[in-house]
Each structure stands twice: as C-alpha cells, then as structure tokens.
Amino acid sequence: MNCQIKLFWDNDAAVWIATSNELPSLTLEAGSCDALIERVKYALPELLEIDNIKTDYCDLNFVSERHDRVLISG
C-alpha cells in the first residue's frame, strides 16, 4: 500500500499537521516535521485498524508544505 502523507504548517497554532487521503483517520500534530513523521509511523498500525485497511506493508511518502508572508516595507 502507498500512502501520501501531507505535512503542513499551521501558523496560528505553530505546529505541523499531518493528513492523508489514504488514511482518513490521520490527523496528528507536532512541533517539528521530524517529530511528526515519527508520530505518524508510530500511529500507523492503529490508523490502519481504525480505517479498516488490511495490508502487509505501507510505503509512506511525506510531502511538506509551508507558506510564509514577508512584509517588505519600502
């Protein structure tokens, strides 16, 4: 099974959030991308069970996205 995990920065909460179309129950957050990736890997067996997905393996593809706004004063 292949899963794309989207990691995005929530500027208001100051955390990274993970979601996935392949794992509907996945919604985790952490203060860093590395910590979030570890949380996802640790939670994966439980997420698969919650989503009733039977598989012997899961290839995870992590895609991160962060948007910032910079004010340029003239």
C-alpha atoms as a PDB file:
ATOM      1  CA  MET A   1       0.000   0.000   0.000  1.00  0.00           C
ATOM      2  CA  ASN A   2       1.202   3.501  -0.855  1.00  0.00           C
ATOM      3  CA  CYS A   3       0.222   6.452   1.324  1.00  0.00           C
ATOM      4  CA  GLN A   4       0.932  10.089   0.660  1.00  0.00           C
ATOM      5  CA  ILE A   5       1.152  11.996   3.933  1.00  0.00           C
ATOM      6  CA  LYS A   6       0.774  15.758   3.660  1.00  0.00           C
ATOM      7  CA  LEU A   7       2.608  17.767   6.315  1.00  0.00           C
ATOM      8  CA  PHE A   8       1.638  21.402   6.522  1.00  0.00           C
ATOM      9  CA  TRP A   9       2.440  24.247   8.890  1.00  0.00           C
ATOM     10  CA  ASP A  10      -0.414  25.808  10.874  1.00  0.00           C
ATOM     11  CA  ASN A  11       0.861  29.304  11.564  1.00  0.00           C
ATOM     12  CA  ASP A  12      -1.897  30.105  14.092  1.00  0.00           C
ATOM     13  CA  ALA A  13      -1.243  27.016  16.219  1.00  0.00           C
ATOM     14  CA  ALA A  14       2.521  26.996  15.472  1.00  0.00           C
ATOM     15  CA  VAL A  15       2.546  23.243  14.743  1.00  0.00           C
ATOM     16  CA  TRP A  16       2.991  20.882  11.821  1.00  0.00           C
ATOM     17  CA  ILE A  17      -0.122  18.838  10.948  1.00  0.00           C
ATOM     18  CA  ALA A  18      -0.295  15.516   9.086  1.00  0.00           C
ATOM     19  CA  THR A  19      -3.235  14.370   6.955  1.00  0.00           C
ATOM     20  CA  SER A  20      -3.736  11.769   4.225  1.00  0.00           C
ATOM     21  CA  ASN A  21      -6.444  10.870   1.724  1.00  0.00           C
ATOM     22  CA  GLU A  22      -5.446   7.207   2.011  1.00  0.00           C
ATOM     23  CA  LEU A  23      -5.744   7.270   5.823  1.00  0.00           C
ATOM     24  CA  PRO A  24      -8.893   9.271   6.612  1.00  0.00           C
ATOM     25  CA  SER A  25      -8.421   8.953  10.380  1.00  0.00           C
ATOM     26  CA  LEU A  26      -4.957  10.565  10.256  1.00  0.00           C
ATOM     27  CA  THR A  27      -4.818  13.965  11.919  1.00  0.00           C
ATOM     28  CA  LEU A  28      -1.717  14.406  14.057  1.00  0.00           C
ATOM     29  CA  GLU A  29       0.360  17.413  15.009  1.00  0.00           C
ATOM     30  CA  ALA A  30       3.838  18.121  16.356  1.00  0.00           C
ATOM     31  CA  GLY A  31       6.291  20.981  16.758  1.00  0.00           C
ATOM     32  CA  SER A  32       8.669  19.754  14.035  1.00  0.00           C
ATOM     33  CA  CYS A  33       8.481  17.763  10.810  1.00  0.00           C
ATOM     34  CA  ASP A  34      10.813  15.079  12.174  1.00  0.00           C
ATOM     35  CA  ALA A  35       8.722  14.620  15.313  1.00  0.00           C
ATOM     36  CA  LEU A  36       5.548  14.466  13.238  1.00  0.00           C
ATOM     37  CA  ILE A  37       6.966  11.830  10.902  1.00  0.00           C
ATOM     38  CA  GLU A  38       7.874   9.680  13.913  1.00  0.00           C
ATOM     39  CA  ARG A  39       4.361  10.131  15.374  1.00  0.00           C
ATOM     40  CA  VAL A  40       2.793   9.038  12.069  1.00  0.00           C
ATOM     41  CA  LYS A  41       4.983   5.919  11.862  1.00  0.00           C
ATOM     42  CA  TYR A  42       4.208   5.021  15.476  1.00  0.00           C
ATOM     43  CA  ALA A  43       0.442   5.529  14.997  1.00  0.00           C
ATOM     44  CA  LEU A  44       0.259   3.744  11.618  1.00  0.00           C
ATOM     45  CA  PRO A  45      -0.897   0.299  12.864  1.00  0.00           C
ATOM     46  CA  GLU A  46      -3.740   1.878  14.847  1.00  0.00           C
ATOM     47  CA  LEU A  47      -4.715   4.163  11.955  1.00  0.00           C
ATOM     48  CA  LEU A  48      -4.888   1.197   9.572  1.00  0.00           C
ATOM     49  CA  GLU A  49      -7.108  -0.642  12.028  1.00  0.00           C
ATOM     50  CA  ILE A  50      -9.411   2.372  12.536  1.00  0.00           C
ATOM     51  CA  ASP A  51      -9.740   2.804   8.758  1.00  0.00           C
ATOM     52  CA  ASN A  52     -10.261  -0.973   8.329  1.00  0.00           C
ATOM     53  CA  ILE A  53      -7.310  -1.296   5.943  1.00  0.00           C
ATOM     54  CA  LYS A  54      -5.663  -4.709   5.715  1.00  0.00           C
ATOM     55  CA  THR A  55      -2.110  -4.635   4.368  1.00  0.00           C
ATOM     56  CA  ASP A  56       1.254  -6.276   4.990  1.00  0.00           C
ATOM     57  CA  TYR A  57       3.241  -3.098   4.373  1.00  0.00           C
ATOM     58  CA  CYS A  58       2.781   0.600   3.787  1.00  0.00           C
ATOM     59  CA  ASP A  59       5.096   2.847   1.778  1.00  0.00           C
ATOM     60  CA  LEU A  60       4.881   6.356   3.198  1.00  0.00           C
ATOM     61  CA  ASN A  61       5.587   9.399   1.042  1.00  0.00           C
ATOM     62  CA  PHE A  62       5.841  12.561   3.160  1.00  0.00           C
ATOM     63  CA  VAL A  63       5.195  15.861   1.369  1.00  0.00           C
ATOM     64  CA  SER A  64       5.681  19.069   3.350  1.00  0.00           C
ATOM     65  CA  GLU A  65       4.259  22.478   2.653  1.00  0.00           C
ATOM     66  CA  ARG A  66       4.820  25.751   4.430  1.00  0.00           C
ATOM     67  CA  HIS A  67       3.727  29.208   3.400  1.00  0.00           C
ATOM     68  CA  ASP A  68       5.022  32.410   4.946  1.00  0.00           C
ATOM     69  CA  ARG A  69       4.262  36.033   4.271  1.00  0.00           C
ATOM     70  CA  VAL A  70       7.048  38.575   4.454  1.00  0.00           C
ATOM     71  CA  LEU A  71       6.227  42.256   4.758  1.00  0.00           C
ATOM     72  CA  ILE A  72       8.544  44.337   2.637  1.00  0.00           C
ATOM     73  CA  SER A  73       8.495  47.990   3.712  1.00  0.00           C
ATOM     74  CA  GLY A  74       9.562  50.486   1.126  1.00  0.00           C
END
